[in-house]
Amino acid sequence: MAGLHIYQEKLTPELAARLSSVCPFGALKADGAHLSVEAGCRMCRLCVKKSDGVIVEEKDERPEIDKNEWRGIAVLADYSHGSLHPVTFELLGKARELAKVTGHPVYAVLMGHGTEQAAKNVAAGGADRVFVYDSPALAEFSAEPYADAFADFIRKVKPSSVLVGATNLGRSLAPRVAARFRTGLTADCTALEMRGNTDLVQIRPAFGGNVMAQIITPNHRPQFCTVRYKIFSACECPPAPGEIIPMAMPAAERPYGIEIRRVTAVPAEVDISEADVLVAVGRGVKSEEDMALATRLAELLGGQLACSRPLVEAGIFDAKHQIGLSGRTVKPKLLITLGISGAVQFAAGIQGAECVVAVNSDPNASIFDSAHYCVVGDLSKVLPELVRKIEAVRDGADMSTETGVDTGADTGTEKQSGQAVRQSAAAAEGSGQASGRGEADHVS
């Protein structure tokens, strides 16, 4: 990184004192005819401009890398306890999209034991080549042997970019391997773009979500990034199954410090990322009555209750129910937000939702920019009406079914939920102001 060099032989006590007073951060300390740079320096370079050559900037030479030696986009196949995490196929879909820019192949690296069927699934999911490390040492996830196998793959194949799912396995493994190659890693990317020179543009919110940072690693390879589940989509039309290449497990680079003696299964937790219908509540839900109605709404629609970050910080919800960049990224078919302002972090977590119905008392709330149906009104008036109308639609559907009238109810919860919300959103106009946005039908 850049630094400052001071030609001490050119200094006089008067010049040192003057230059010390130039620094707006007080980072230049004068001691007689000697000047030193302290930790407060922000490299504003004002002293360089005012010193007439006494202080100069020294720039480190950046390492040169032959990018032609690194070719391909690799995806870590997230395999654990006999199953592949769905994020694997989402990353393969994105990798194929990125590969169109450079013409590079798409690789996958699969590690585990008893991976024959999983390798076939990955090969059919969009990978041109699947490199398989199948060994009893990889039967249970342990960071050290997995990192050895992952690093061996990178040394032998030399992919230009490596995409890793932001799962427990991926978040544990990716930083270790990136550190071995002294390269950069961008966590929790929300978008990825590829340049013609094979630089991967890794996009993620920064500074509290106020800006979308575009991060590149121009002087190091490979380029590492992690991506959350439900951010991208799997290949709709994957190519012919790719080639499966068995790889030998490398010798341990150092003695392993962890021995797995027993694995105990834990009950599966509620995962809002998998829900098709979600009802999300925010700070606008202020009473127990409103919370009970929100819970009832989720039950009526066959969905799950979720929340925004403030309700987790207040201790009302567990973190596993939180939507957003600091919580879970979701891609439901129907999302109803109640009293949520729609901060950048939350909006980034719902960008894959097919239909968003937002209820908020503020007509200028940011959540309406992400919504397909917008209801402006007092939540304490809109929510009871919404629940009442959906109950009426459901009761009518049940009665019609009993009397032999075809209402489409046999097509499942998804169709009923969509019809009920559309009719109820229109009815909510009596309690608030309803409008439609985007490609969705207008509610009036």
Protein backbone atom coordinates (compact mmCIF):
# COMPACT_ATOMS: atom_id res chain seq x y z
CA MET A 1 0.00 0.00 0.00
CA ALA A 2 1.06 3.63 -0.47
CA GLY A 3 3.05 5.53 2.16
CA LEU A 4 4.90 8.76 2.80
CA HIS A 5 8.67 9.28 2.71
CA ILE A 6 10.16 12.32 4.43
CA TYR A 7 13.60 13.63 3.45
CA GLN A 8 14.71 14.48 6.97
CA GLU A 9 17.97 16.11 5.78
CA LYS A 10 15.98 18.87 4.10
CA LEU A 11 14.10 19.82 7.25
CA THR A 12 14.69 22.75 9.58
CA PRO A 13 12.86 23.25 12.87
CA GLU A 14 10.77 26.01 11.30
CA LEU A 15 9.87 23.90 8.21
CA ALA A 16 9.04 20.85 10.34
CA ALA A 17 6.70 22.95 12.51
CA ARG A 18 5.00 24.46 9.45
CA LEU A 19 4.44 21.11 7.78
CA SER A 20 3.14 19.67 11.04
CA SER A 21 0.47 22.38 11.13
CA VAL A 22 -0.57 21.59 7.54
CA CYS A 23 -1.99 18.15 8.36
CA PRO A 24 -5.76 18.41 9.07
CA PHE A 25 -5.64 15.15 11.05
CA GLY A 26 -2.69 16.06 13.29
CA ALA A 27 -0.78 13.04 12.01
CA LEU A 28 2.56 14.85 11.42
CA LYS A 29 4.59 15.26 14.62
CA ALA A 30 7.50 17.71 14.66
CA ASP A 31 10.43 17.26 17.05
CA GLY A 32 12.99 19.95 16.31
CA ALA A 33 14.22 19.35 12.77
CA HIS A 34 12.62 15.88 12.66
CA LEU A 35 9.17 15.01 11.33
CA SER A 36 7.33 11.72 11.78
CA VAL A 37 4.06 10.29 10.45
CA GLU A 38 1.68 8.88 13.07
CA ALA A 39 -1.25 6.49 12.86
CA GLY A 40 -3.81 9.23 12.27
CA CYS A 41 -2.61 9.75 8.66
CA ARG A 42 -5.43 9.37 6.13
CA MET A 43 -3.21 9.74 3.06
CA CYS A 44 -4.95 12.94 2.01
CA ARG A 45 -1.60 14.00 0.44
CA LEU A 46 -2.02 17.65 1.47
CA CYS A 47 1.42 17.62 3.07
CA VAL A 48 2.91 16.28 -0.18
CA LYS A 49 1.49 19.23 -2.09
CA LYS A 50 2.69 21.81 0.46
CA SER A 51 6.19 20.46 1.18
CA ASP A 52 8.08 21.38 -2.03
CA GLY A 53 9.49 17.87 -2.34
CA VAL A 54 10.38 17.30 1.31
CA ILE A 55 7.54 14.79 1.66
CA VAL A 56 6.82 12.43 -1.24
CA GLU A 57 4.37 9.61 -1.76
CA GLU A 58 5.79 6.13 -2.20
CA LYS A 59 3.63 3.63 -4.04
CA ASP A 60 4.11 -0.08 -3.77
CA GLU A 61 4.46 -1.84 -7.08
CA ARG A 62 1.42 -3.96 -7.73
CA PRO A 63 2.11 -7.59 -8.57
CA GLU A 64 1.60 -8.49 -12.18
CA ILE A 65 -0.41 -11.60 -12.95
CA ASP A 66 -0.85 -13.42 -16.23
CA LYS A 67 -4.63 -13.67 -16.41
CA ASN A 68 -4.37 -16.03 -19.37
CA GLU A 69 -3.06 -18.72 -17.01
CA TRP A 70 -6.32 -18.66 -15.08
CA ARG A 71 -9.30 -19.88 -17.04
CA GLY A 72 -12.82 -20.95 -16.10
CA ILE A 73 -15.50 -20.17 -13.54
CA ALA A 74 -15.67 -22.66 -10.69
CA VAL A 75 -18.58 -23.37 -8.36
CA LEU A 76 -18.28 -25.12 -5.03
CA ALA A 77 -20.88 -27.89 -4.93
CA ASP A 78 -22.25 -27.62 -1.39
CA TYR A 79 -22.65 -31.28 -0.45
CA SER A 80 -23.42 -32.50 3.05
CA HIS A 81 -24.97 -35.65 4.52
CA GLY A 82 -25.91 -37.08 1.16
CA SER A 83 -27.61 -34.03 -0.32
CA LEU A 84 -26.69 -30.99 -2.39
CA HIS A 85 -27.70 -27.54 -1.21
CA PRO A 86 -29.91 -25.81 -3.83
CA VAL A 87 -27.56 -22.81 -3.89
CA THR A 88 -25.20 -25.03 -5.92
CA PHE A 89 -27.55 -25.01 -8.91
CA GLU A 90 -28.25 -21.30 -8.57
CA LEU A 91 -24.51 -20.58 -8.76
CA LEU A 92 -24.12 -22.90 -11.75
CA GLY A 93 -26.84 -20.92 -13.51
CA LYS A 94 -25.07 -17.64 -12.77
CA ALA A 95 -21.69 -19.10 -13.75
CA ARG A 96 -23.02 -20.03 -17.17
CA GLU A 97 -24.32 -16.50 -17.62
CA LEU A 98 -20.94 -15.01 -16.66
CA ALA A 99 -19.06 -17.49 -18.86
CA LYS A 100 -20.82 -16.17 -21.96
CA VAL A 101 -18.80 -12.94 -21.62
CA THR A 102 -15.38 -14.59 -21.65
CA GLY A 103 -16.09 -17.91 -23.35
CA HIS A 104 -14.67 -19.79 -20.37
CA PRO A 105 -15.85 -23.23 -19.23
CA VAL A 106 -17.86 -23.74 -16.05
CA TYR A 107 -16.36 -26.07 -13.46
CA ALA A 108 -17.72 -27.55 -10.27
CA VAL A 109 -15.74 -29.04 -7.41
CA LEU A 110 -17.53 -31.65 -5.30
CA MET A 111 -16.10 -32.97 -2.04
CA GLY A 112 -17.49 -35.69 0.19
CA HIS A 113 -17.91 -39.45 0.43
CA GLY A 114 -20.37 -41.52 -1.59
CA THR A 115 -20.84 -38.71 -4.10
CA GLU A 116 -21.65 -40.71 -7.25
CA GLN A 117 -25.26 -39.57 -7.63
CA ALA A 118 -24.50 -36.03 -6.49
CA ALA A 119 -21.78 -35.75 -9.15
CA LYS A 120 -24.28 -36.77 -11.84
CA ASN A 121 -26.76 -34.17 -10.60
CA VAL A 122 -24.14 -31.42 -10.67
CA ALA A 123 -23.01 -32.47 -14.14
CA ALA A 124 -26.60 -32.22 -15.32
CA GLY A 125 -27.11 -28.87 -13.59
CA GLY A 126 -24.86 -26.78 -15.82
CA ALA A 127 -21.23 -27.74 -15.13
CA ASP A 128 -19.01 -28.53 -18.09
CA ARG A 129 -16.68 -30.50 -15.83
CA VAL A 130 -17.19 -31.79 -12.30
CA PHE A 131 -14.02 -32.46 -10.30
CA VAL A 132 -14.85 -34.98 -7.57
CA TYR A 133 -12.87 -35.57 -4.38
CA ASP A 134 -14.46 -38.67 -2.86
CA SER A 135 -12.74 -39.89 0.29
CA PRO A 136 -13.67 -41.24 3.74
CA ALA A 137 -11.73 -38.28 5.13
CA LEU A 138 -14.42 -36.04 3.64
CA ALA A 139 -17.42 -38.01 4.93
CA GLU A 140 -18.15 -35.25 7.49
CA PHE A 141 -17.32 -31.62 6.96
CA SER A 142 -14.10 -30.53 8.59
CA ALA A 143 -12.49 -27.32 7.44
CA GLU A 144 -8.91 -28.57 7.18
CA PRO A 145 -9.24 -31.62 4.86
CA TYR A 146 -11.89 -29.80 2.80
CA ALA A 147 -9.58 -26.81 2.42
CA ASP A 148 -6.74 -29.12 1.32
CA ALA A 149 -8.92 -30.68 -1.39
CA PHE A 150 -10.30 -27.30 -2.50
CA ALA A 151 -6.79 -25.80 -2.71
CA ASP A 152 -5.56 -28.83 -4.67
CA PHE A 153 -8.35 -28.28 -7.21
CA ILE A 154 -7.41 -24.61 -7.64
CA ARG A 155 -3.70 -25.35 -8.09
CA LYS A 156 -4.35 -27.98 -10.75
CA VAL A 157 -7.27 -26.41 -12.65
CA LYS A 158 -6.56 -22.68 -12.10
CA PRO A 159 -10.07 -21.22 -12.37
CA SER A 160 -10.22 -17.46 -12.80
CA SER A 161 -13.25 -17.05 -10.51
CA VAL A 162 -14.68 -19.16 -7.70
CA LEU A 163 -18.33 -18.87 -6.61
CA VAL A 164 -19.25 -20.24 -3.19
CA GLY A 165 -22.64 -20.43 -1.51
CA ALA A 166 -22.95 -18.37 1.67
CA THR A 167 -23.93 -21.43 3.72
CA ASN A 168 -22.33 -22.58 6.95
CA LEU A 169 -20.02 -24.83 4.93
CA GLY A 170 -19.17 -22.19 2.33
CA ARG A 171 -18.57 -19.39 4.82
CA SER A 172 -16.21 -21.60 6.78
CA LEU A 173 -14.30 -22.89 3.78
CA ALA A 174 -13.96 -19.96 1.35
CA PRO A 175 -11.91 -17.60 3.58
CA ARG A 176 -9.43 -20.35 4.44
CA VAL A 177 -8.77 -21.20 0.81
CA ALA A 178 -8.68 -17.56 -0.31
CA ALA A 179 -6.07 -16.85 2.36
CA ARG A 180 -3.89 -19.70 1.08
CA PHE A 181 -3.76 -18.04 -2.34
CA ARG A 182 -3.40 -14.53 -0.88
CA THR A 183 -6.36 -13.35 -2.89
CA GLY A 184 -9.47 -11.35 -2.12
CA LEU A 185 -12.92 -12.56 -1.14
CA THR A 186 -16.16 -10.59 -1.25
CA ALA A 187 -18.89 -11.92 1.05
CA ASP A 188 -22.66 -11.90 0.53
CA CYS A 189 -22.72 -10.55 -3.01
CA THR A 190 -26.12 -9.52 -4.35
CA ALA A 191 -25.02 -9.25 -7.99
CA LEU A 192 -22.13 -10.41 -10.17
CA GLU A 193 -20.88 -9.10 -13.51
CA MET A 194 -18.02 -10.23 -15.72
CA ARG A 195 -15.66 -8.00 -17.68
CA GLY A 196 -14.03 -8.99 -20.92
CA ASN A 197 -10.61 -9.15 -19.24
CA THR A 198 -11.98 -11.82 -16.81
CA ASP A 199 -12.24 -9.40 -13.86
CA LEU A 200 -15.27 -10.38 -11.80
CA VAL A 201 -17.29 -7.39 -10.58
CA GLN A 202 -18.62 -8.35 -7.16
CA ILE A 203 -21.50 -6.13 -6.05
CA ARG A 204 -22.77 -5.85 -2.50
CA PRO A 205 -24.24 -3.19 -0.18
CA ALA A 206 -21.78 -1.17 1.89
CA PHE A 207 -21.82 1.65 4.45
CA GLY A 208 -25.01 0.43 6.06
CA GLY A 209 -26.63 -0.29 2.72
CA ASN A 210 -26.40 3.31 1.54
CA VAL A 211 -24.24 2.44 -1.47
CA MET A 212 -23.80 -0.59 -3.71
CA ALA A 213 -20.07 -1.26 -3.80
CA GLN A 214 -18.51 -2.73 -6.93
CA ILE A 215 -15.45 -4.71 -5.91
CA ILE A 216 -12.84 -6.20 -8.23
CA THR A 217 -9.64 -8.18 -7.69
CA PRO A 218 -7.58 -7.09 -10.71
CA ASN A 219 -4.13 -8.23 -9.58
CA HIS A 220 -4.81 -11.59 -7.96
CA ARG A 221 -6.30 -14.90 -9.01
CA PRO A 222 -8.54 -16.68 -8.35
CA GLN A 223 -11.31 -14.25 -7.48
CA PHE A 224 -13.47 -15.50 -4.59
CA CYS A 225 -17.00 -14.50 -3.67
CA THR A 226 -19.83 -15.91 -1.59
CA VAL A 227 -23.48 -15.59 -2.60
CA ARG A 228 -26.56 -16.25 -0.51
CA TYR A 229 -29.24 -18.78 -1.33
CA LYS A 230 -32.19 -17.43 -3.35
CA ILE A 231 -30.20 -14.59 -4.98
CA PHE A 232 -29.82 -16.20 -8.43
CA SER A 233 -31.79 -18.78 -10.39
CA ALA A 234 -30.80 -22.22 -11.58
CA CYS A 235 -30.39 -22.99 -15.29
CA GLU A 236 -33.79 -23.27 -16.93
CA CYS A 237 -32.33 -25.13 -19.90
CA PRO A 238 -29.01 -26.67 -18.79
CA PRO A 239 -26.70 -28.03 -21.48
CA ALA A 240 -25.81 -31.66 -21.95
CA PRO A 241 -24.38 -33.26 -18.79
CA GLY A 242 -20.75 -32.37 -18.21
CA GLU A 243 -17.74 -34.61 -17.72
CA ILE A 244 -17.10 -36.11 -14.27
CA ILE A 245 -13.40 -36.20 -13.35
CA PRO A 246 -12.31 -38.16 -10.24
CA MET A 247 -9.53 -36.48 -8.24
CA ALA A 248 -7.15 -37.99 -5.71
CA MET A 249 -7.34 -36.69 -2.17
CA PRO A 250 -4.11 -34.75 -1.52
CA ALA A 251 -1.84 -35.42 1.39
CA ALA A 252 -2.46 -33.23 4.42
CA GLU A 253 -0.51 -29.97 4.21
CA ARG A 254 -0.21 -29.99 7.99
CA PRO A 255 -1.46 -32.23 10.84
CA TYR A 256 -5.18 -31.80 11.35
CA GLY A 257 -6.06 -30.32 14.72
CA ILE A 258 -9.67 -31.49 14.74
CA GLU A 259 -10.99 -35.05 15.00
CA ILE A 260 -14.71 -35.71 14.47
CA ARG A 261 -15.82 -38.49 16.80
CA ARG A 262 -19.57 -38.25 16.65
CA VAL A 263 -22.21 -36.39 14.63
CA THR A 264 -25.59 -35.75 16.24
CA ALA A 265 -28.53 -34.72 14.09
CA VAL A 266 -30.56 -31.73 15.28
CA PRO A 267 -34.22 -31.06 14.47
CA ALA A 268 -34.74 -29.05 11.31
CA GLU A 269 -35.39 -25.38 12.00
CA VAL A 270 -37.95 -23.16 10.33
CA ASP A 271 -36.36 -21.76 7.19
CA ILE A 272 -38.18 -18.78 5.75
CA SER A 273 -35.94 -19.02 2.68
CA GLU A 274 -37.93 -22.08 1.58
CA ALA A 275 -41.40 -20.59 2.14
CA ASP A 276 -43.69 -19.91 -0.82
CA VAL A 277 -45.82 -17.48 1.22
CA LEU A 278 -44.48 -15.04 3.81
CA VAL A 279 -46.08 -12.37 6.00
CA ALA A 280 -43.39 -9.99 7.22
CA VAL A 281 -43.95 -7.53 10.07
CA GLY A 282 -41.98 -4.42 10.98
CA ARG A 283 -42.01 -1.58 13.47
CA GLY A 284 -45.42 -0.49 12.20
CA VAL A 285 -46.95 -3.48 14.01
CA LYS A 286 -47.16 -1.93 17.47
CA SER A 287 -49.81 -3.89 19.37
CA GLU A 288 -50.37 -7.48 20.39
CA GLU A 289 -53.68 -7.40 18.53
CA ASP A 290 -51.94 -6.47 15.27
CA MET A 291 -49.33 -9.17 15.81
CA ALA A 292 -52.06 -11.74 16.41
CA LEU A 293 -53.79 -10.65 13.20
CA ALA A 294 -50.51 -10.92 11.27
CA THR A 295 -50.08 -14.44 12.60
CA ARG A 296 -53.66 -15.27 11.59
CA LEU A 297 -53.00 -13.85 8.11
CA ALA A 298 -49.98 -16.13 7.70
CA GLU A 299 -52.06 -19.13 8.82
CA LEU A 300 -54.87 -18.31 6.38
CA LEU A 301 -52.42 -18.15 3.48
CA GLY A 302 -50.55 -21.28 4.51
CA GLY A 303 -47.39 -19.23 4.98
CA GLN A 304 -44.82 -18.33 7.61
CA LEU A 305 -44.35 -15.23 9.74
CA ALA A 306 -41.15 -13.22 9.20
CA CYS A 307 -39.87 -9.84 10.34
CA SER A 308 -37.50 -6.97 9.69
CA ARG A 309 -34.31 -6.30 11.65
CA PRO A 310 -35.71 -3.93 14.34
CA LEU A 311 -38.01 -6.62 15.71
CA VAL A 312 -35.07 -9.01 16.09
CA GLU A 313 -33.06 -6.32 17.87
CA ALA A 314 -36.03 -5.72 20.18
CA GLY A 315 -36.07 -9.41 21.10
CA ILE A 316 -39.54 -10.05 19.67
CA PHE A 317 -38.36 -12.50 17.00
CA ASP A 318 -35.48 -14.92 16.65
CA ALA A 319 -32.86 -14.04 14.02
CA LYS A 320 -33.89 -16.99 11.85
CA HIS A 321 -37.13 -15.14 11.05
CA GLN A 322 -35.36 -11.98 9.82
CA ILE A 323 -35.46 -10.96 6.16
CA GLY A 324 -32.59 -8.91 4.73
CA LEU A 325 -28.87 -8.91 4.16
CA SER A 326 -28.20 -9.47 7.85
CA GLY A 327 -30.92 -12.14 7.95
CA ARG A 328 -32.28 -14.40 5.22
CA THR A 329 -32.68 -13.79 1.51
CA VAL A 330 -36.10 -14.97 0.38
CA LYS A 331 -37.78 -15.69 -2.94
CA PRO A 332 -41.44 -16.46 -2.11
CA LYS A 333 -44.29 -16.54 -4.58
CA LEU A 334 -46.21 -14.17 -2.29
CA LEU A 335 -44.83 -11.73 0.29
CA ILE A 336 -47.03 -9.42 2.38
CA THR A 337 -45.17 -6.73 4.32
CA LEU A 338 -46.92 -5.01 7.23
CA GLY A 339 -45.50 -1.79 8.64
CA ILE A 340 -42.05 -2.22 7.06
CA SER A 341 -40.34 0.89 5.72
CA GLY A 342 -38.24 -0.98 3.16
CA ALA A 343 -34.62 -0.09 3.96
CA VAL A 344 -31.98 -1.09 1.43
CA GLN A 345 -30.95 -4.13 3.46
CA PHE A 346 -34.52 -5.43 3.55
CA ALA A 347 -35.23 -4.63 -0.11
CA ALA A 348 -32.13 -6.55 -1.18
CA GLY A 349 -33.42 -9.60 0.68
CA ILE A 350 -36.77 -9.68 -1.18
CA GLN A 351 -35.71 -8.82 -4.72
CA GLY A 352 -36.51 -12.34 -5.91
CA ALA A 353 -40.12 -12.34 -4.62
CA GLU A 354 -42.68 -12.94 -7.36
CA CYS A 355 -45.46 -10.83 -5.81
CA VAL A 356 -45.07 -8.27 -3.01
CA VAL A 357 -48.07 -6.70 -1.27
CA ALA A 358 -47.01 -3.79 0.98
CA VAL A 359 -49.09 -2.08 3.67
CA ASN A 360 -47.70 1.13 5.18
CA SER A 361 -49.12 4.41 6.47
CA ASP A 362 -46.39 6.46 4.80
CA PRO A 363 -47.13 7.02 1.09
CA ASN A 364 -43.43 7.72 0.51
CA ALA A 365 -42.17 4.53 2.17
CA SER A 366 -39.31 2.88 0.28
CA ILE A 367 -41.06 -0.49 0.45
CA PHE A 368 -43.49 0.66 -2.23
CA ASP A 369 -40.59 0.78 -4.71
CA SER A 370 -40.28 -3.00 -4.32
CA ALA A 371 -44.01 -3.79 -4.15
CA HIS A 372 -46.42 -4.91 -6.85
CA TYR A 373 -49.48 -4.00 -4.78
CA CYS A 374 -49.37 -1.00 -2.44
CA VAL A 375 -51.85 -0.19 0.33
CA VAL A 376 -51.42 3.18 2.08
CA GLY A 377 -53.33 3.31 5.35
CA ASP A 378 -53.45 2.76 9.09
CA LEU A 379 -52.34 -0.81 9.73
CA SER A 380 -54.76 -1.18 12.63
CA LYS A 381 -57.62 -0.56 10.17
CA VAL A 382 -56.25 -2.23 7.03
CA LEU A 383 -55.05 -5.48 8.64
CA PRO A 384 -58.38 -6.51 10.24
CA GLU A 385 -60.17 -5.80 6.95
CA LEU A 386 -57.59 -7.80 5.00
CA VAL A 387 -57.95 -10.79 7.34
CA ARG A 388 -61.75 -10.55 7.28
CA LYS A 389 -61.90 -10.48 3.49
CA ILE A 390 -59.51 -13.41 3.10
CA GLU A 391 -61.54 -15.41 5.61
CA ALA A 392 -64.66 -14.58 3.60
CA VAL A 393 -63.02 -15.69 0.36
CA ARG A 394 -61.80 -18.90 2.00
CA ASP A 395 -65.20 -19.62 3.55
CA GLY A 396 -66.84 -18.99 0.17
CA ALA A 397 -64.38 -21.35 -1.52
CA ASP A 398 -65.07 -24.04 1.08
CA MET A 399 -68.84 -23.65 0.69
CA SER A 400 -68.60 -23.77 -3.10
CA THR A 401 -66.51 -26.91 -2.95
CA GLU A 402 -69.02 -28.56 -0.64
CA THR A 403 -71.90 -27.74 -3.03
CA GLY A 404 -70.00 -29.00 -6.07
CA VAL A 405 -69.12 -25.62 -7.58
CA ASP A 406 -65.68 -25.52 -9.20
CA THR A 407 -63.76 -22.59 -7.67
CA GLY A 408 -60.26 -23.74 -8.49
CA ALA A 409 -59.68 -24.55 -4.81
CA ASP A 410 -58.36 -27.99 -5.75
CA THR A 411 -55.37 -26.32 -7.47
CA GLY A 412 -53.76 -25.79 -4.08
CA THR A 413 -52.94 -23.16 -1.52
CA GLU A 414 -50.89 -21.05 -3.92
CA LYS A 415 -53.81 -20.25 -6.24
CA GLN A 416 -56.23 -19.63 -3.36
CA SER A 417 -53.73 -17.32 -1.65
CA GLY A 418 -53.17 -15.26 -4.78
CA GLN A 419 -56.89 -14.86 -5.45
CA ALA A 420 -57.64 -14.01 -1.84
CA VAL A 421 -54.96 -11.34 -1.60
CA ARG A 422 -55.98 -9.70 -4.87
CA GLN A 423 -59.60 -9.49 -3.82
CA SER A 424 -58.71 -8.38 -0.29
CA ALA A 425 -56.24 -5.75 -1.51
CA ALA A 426 -59.03 -4.25 -3.55
CA ALA A 427 -61.32 -4.32 -0.53
CA ALA A 428 -58.64 -2.62 1.57
CA GLU A 429 -59.24 0.53 -0.43
CA GLY A 430 -62.07 1.21 1.97
CA SER A 431 -59.59 1.34 4.84
CA GLY A 432 -56.65 2.85 3.00
CA GLN A 433 -55.54 3.74 -0.48
CA ALA A 434 -54.61 0.87 -2.76
CA SER A 435 -52.58 0.97 -5.95
CA GLY A 436 -50.77 -1.41 -8.24
CA ARG A 437 -47.19 -1.06 -9.53
CA GLY A 438 -44.90 -2.81 -11.97
CA GLU A 439 -46.29 -5.53 -14.18
CA ALA A 440 -48.96 -6.60 -11.71
CA ASP A 441 -52.63 -5.85 -12.25
CA HIS A 442 -53.74 -2.51 -10.83
CA VAL A 443 -55.92 -2.68 -7.77
CA SER A 444 -58.74 -0.14 -7.84
